[in-house]
Amino acid sequence: MYPKKQFYSFKKQLKERYLKLVEKSNNYRFEDEVKSDIAAFKAMKVLEKMNRLSYLERKLTV
């Protein structure tokens, strides 16, 4: 697999994972606060990785 294609597939995978975790966090908001907080924390970590990839993508295209 070419590095650029691999890069974009990883970015897509992270975005899907982030959306799933945010949805999970919202679903458990009123039922179980601990599960909601854990999902929100994991979503923040995934968002941090996505931001790093966005920075690398800018460097890749320049």
N, C-alpha and C. Protein backbone atom coordinates (compact mmCIF):
# COMPACT_ATOMS: atom_id res chain seq x y z
N MET A 1 0.85 -1.17 0.00
CA MET A 1 0.00 0.00 0.00
C MET A 1 0.90 1.24 0.00
N TYR A 2 0.54 2.20 -0.79
CA TYR A 2 1.33 3.41 -0.89
C TYR A 2 1.20 4.23 0.40
N PRO A 3 2.26 4.92 0.80
CA PRO A 3 2.21 5.68 2.06
C PRO A 3 1.09 6.71 2.12
N LYS A 4 0.82 7.40 1.01
CA LYS A 4 -0.23 8.41 1.01
C LYS A 4 -1.61 7.77 1.19
N LYS A 5 -1.82 6.65 0.50
CA LYS A 5 -3.10 5.95 0.62
C LYS A 5 -3.26 5.39 2.03
N GLN A 6 -2.19 4.87 2.59
CA GLN A 6 -2.22 4.34 3.95
C GLN A 6 -2.52 5.47 4.94
N PHE A 7 -1.94 6.62 4.70
CA PHE A 7 -2.16 7.79 5.54
C PHE A 7 -3.64 8.17 5.57
N TYR A 8 -4.26 8.23 4.40
CA TYR A 8 -5.67 8.61 4.32
C TYR A 8 -6.59 7.55 4.89
N SER A 9 -6.24 6.29 4.76
CA SER A 9 -7.09 5.24 5.33
C SER A 9 -7.01 5.26 6.86
N PHE A 10 -5.83 5.58 7.39
CA PHE A 10 -5.67 5.69 8.85
C PHE A 10 -6.47 6.89 9.36
N LYS A 11 -6.45 7.98 8.61
CA LYS A 11 -7.20 9.17 8.99
C LYS A 11 -8.70 8.88 9.00
N LYS A 12 -9.16 8.14 8.00
CA LYS A 12 -10.58 7.76 7.92
C LYS A 12 -10.96 6.87 9.10
N GLN A 13 -10.10 5.93 9.43
CA GLN A 13 -10.34 5.02 10.54
C GLN A 13 -10.44 5.79 11.86
N LEU A 14 -9.56 6.76 12.06
CA LEU A 14 -9.59 7.56 13.27
C LEU A 14 -10.88 8.38 13.36
N LYS A 15 -11.32 8.93 12.23
CA LYS A 15 -12.54 9.73 12.23
C LYS A 15 -13.75 8.88 12.60
N GLU A 16 -13.82 7.68 12.04
CA GLU A 16 -14.94 6.77 12.36
C GLU A 16 -14.92 6.39 13.84
N ARG A 17 -13.73 6.12 14.35
CA ARG A 17 -13.59 5.75 15.76
C ARG A 17 -14.00 6.93 16.66
N TYR A 18 -13.59 8.13 16.28
CA TYR A 18 -13.93 9.32 17.05
C TYR A 18 -15.45 9.52 17.10
N LEU A 19 -16.10 9.41 15.95
CA LEU A 19 -17.55 9.59 15.90
C LEU A 19 -18.28 8.54 16.74
N LYS A 20 -17.79 7.31 16.69
CA LYS A 20 -18.40 6.24 17.47
C LYS A 20 -18.26 6.50 18.97
N LEU A 21 -17.08 6.97 19.40
CA LEU A 21 -16.86 7.25 20.81
C LEU A 21 -17.69 8.44 21.30
N VAL A 22 -17.83 9.46 20.47
CA VAL A 22 -18.65 10.61 20.86
C VAL A 22 -20.11 10.20 20.99
N GLU A 23 -20.56 9.38 20.07
CA GLU A 23 -21.94 8.89 20.14
C GLU A 23 -22.15 8.05 21.40
N LYS A 24 -21.18 7.20 21.70
CA LYS A 24 -21.26 6.36 22.91
C LYS A 24 -21.30 7.23 24.16
N SER A 25 -20.47 8.27 24.16
CA SER A 25 -20.44 9.18 25.30
C SER A 25 -21.79 9.87 25.49
N ASN A 26 -22.39 10.32 24.40
CA ASN A 26 -23.69 10.98 24.49
C ASN A 26 -24.80 10.02 24.91
N ASN A 27 -24.72 8.77 24.47
CA ASN A 27 -25.75 7.79 24.83
C ASN A 27 -25.72 7.45 26.31
N TYR A 28 -24.53 7.39 26.90
CA TYR A 28 -24.41 7.02 28.31
C TYR A 28 -24.42 8.22 29.25
N ARG A 29 -24.66 9.41 28.74
CA ARG A 29 -24.56 10.62 29.56
C ARG A 29 -25.43 10.56 30.81
N PHE A 30 -26.67 10.10 30.67
CA PHE A 30 -27.60 10.11 31.80
C PHE A 30 -27.70 8.75 32.48
N GLU A 31 -27.29 7.69 31.82
CA GLU A 31 -27.41 6.35 32.39
C GLU A 31 -26.22 5.99 33.27
N ASP A 32 -25.02 6.16 32.73
CA ASP A 32 -23.82 5.77 33.46
C ASP A 32 -22.72 6.80 33.19
N GLU A 33 -22.49 7.67 34.17
CA GLU A 33 -21.55 8.76 33.97
C GLU A 33 -20.12 8.27 33.77
N VAL A 34 -19.76 7.17 34.40
CA VAL A 34 -18.40 6.66 34.29
C VAL A 34 -18.11 6.22 32.85
N LYS A 35 -19.03 5.46 32.27
CA LYS A 35 -18.85 5.03 30.88
C LYS A 35 -18.81 6.22 29.94
N SER A 36 -19.65 7.21 30.21
CA SER A 36 -19.68 8.41 29.39
C SER A 36 -18.34 9.15 29.47
N ASP A 37 -17.80 9.29 30.67
CA ASP A 37 -16.53 9.99 30.85
C ASP A 37 -15.38 9.25 30.19
N ILE A 38 -15.38 7.94 30.29
CA ILE A 38 -14.31 7.13 29.67
C ILE A 38 -14.37 7.26 28.15
N ALA A 39 -15.57 7.19 27.60
CA ALA A 39 -15.72 7.33 26.14
C ALA A 39 -15.31 8.73 25.69
N ALA A 40 -15.66 9.74 26.47
CA ALA A 40 -15.29 11.12 26.11
C ALA A 40 -13.77 11.30 26.17
N PHE A 41 -13.14 10.70 27.17
CA PHE A 41 -11.68 10.79 27.29
C PHE A 41 -10.99 10.12 26.11
N LYS A 42 -11.46 8.93 25.75
CA LYS A 42 -10.90 8.23 24.59
C LYS A 42 -11.12 9.03 23.32
N ALA A 43 -12.28 9.66 23.19
CA ALA A 43 -12.57 10.49 22.02
C ALA A 43 -11.60 11.67 21.95
N MET A 44 -11.28 12.26 23.10
CA MET A 44 -10.32 13.37 23.12
C MET A 44 -8.95 12.91 22.67
N LYS A 45 -8.55 11.71 23.08
CA LYS A 45 -7.25 11.17 22.67
C LYS A 45 -7.22 10.93 21.16
N VAL A 46 -8.30 10.39 20.62
CA VAL A 46 -8.38 10.15 19.18
C VAL A 46 -8.37 11.48 18.43
N LEU A 47 -9.07 12.48 18.96
CA LEU A 47 -9.08 13.80 18.33
C LEU A 47 -7.67 14.41 18.32
N GLU A 48 -6.92 14.18 19.38
CA GLU A 48 -5.53 14.66 19.43
C GLU A 48 -4.70 14.01 18.32
N LYS A 49 -4.90 12.72 18.11
CA LYS A 49 -4.19 12.03 17.03
C LYS A 49 -4.61 12.57 15.67
N MET A 50 -5.90 12.86 15.53
CA MET A 50 -6.38 13.41 14.26
C MET A 50 -5.76 14.78 13.99
N ASN A 51 -5.61 15.58 15.04
CA ASN A 51 -4.99 16.89 14.87
C ASN A 51 -3.52 16.76 14.47
N ARG A 52 -2.83 15.80 15.04
CA ARG A 52 -1.44 15.56 14.65
C ARG A 52 -1.35 15.15 13.19
N LEU A 53 -2.27 14.30 12.76
CA LEU A 53 -2.28 13.89 11.36
C LEU A 53 -2.59 15.05 10.43
N SER A 54 -3.47 15.93 10.86
CA SER A 54 -3.77 17.11 10.03
C SER A 54 -2.53 17.96 9.86
N TYR A 55 -1.75 18.10 10.92
CA TYR A 55 -0.51 18.85 10.83
C TYR A 55 0.46 18.18 9.86
N LEU A 56 0.58 16.86 9.96
CA LEU A 56 1.46 16.12 9.06
C LEU A 56 0.98 16.21 7.61
N GLU A 57 -0.35 16.23 7.45
CA GLU A 57 -0.90 16.33 6.10
C GLU A 57 -0.53 17.66 5.46
N ARG A 58 -0.54 18.73 6.26
CA ARG A 58 -0.11 20.03 5.73
C ARG A 58 1.34 19.98 5.28
N LYS A 59 2.17 19.31 6.07
CA LYS A 59 3.58 19.18 5.70
C LYS A 59 3.75 18.30 4.47
N LEU A 60 2.88 17.31 4.32
CA LEU A 60 2.96 16.38 3.20
C LEU A 60 2.60 17.05 1.88
N THR A 61 1.61 17.95 1.92
CA THR A 61 1.16 18.58 0.68
C THR A 61 2.02 19.77 0.27
N VAL A 62 2.76 20.33 1.22
CA VAL A 62 3.59 21.51 0.87
C VAL A 62 4.84 21.11 0.17
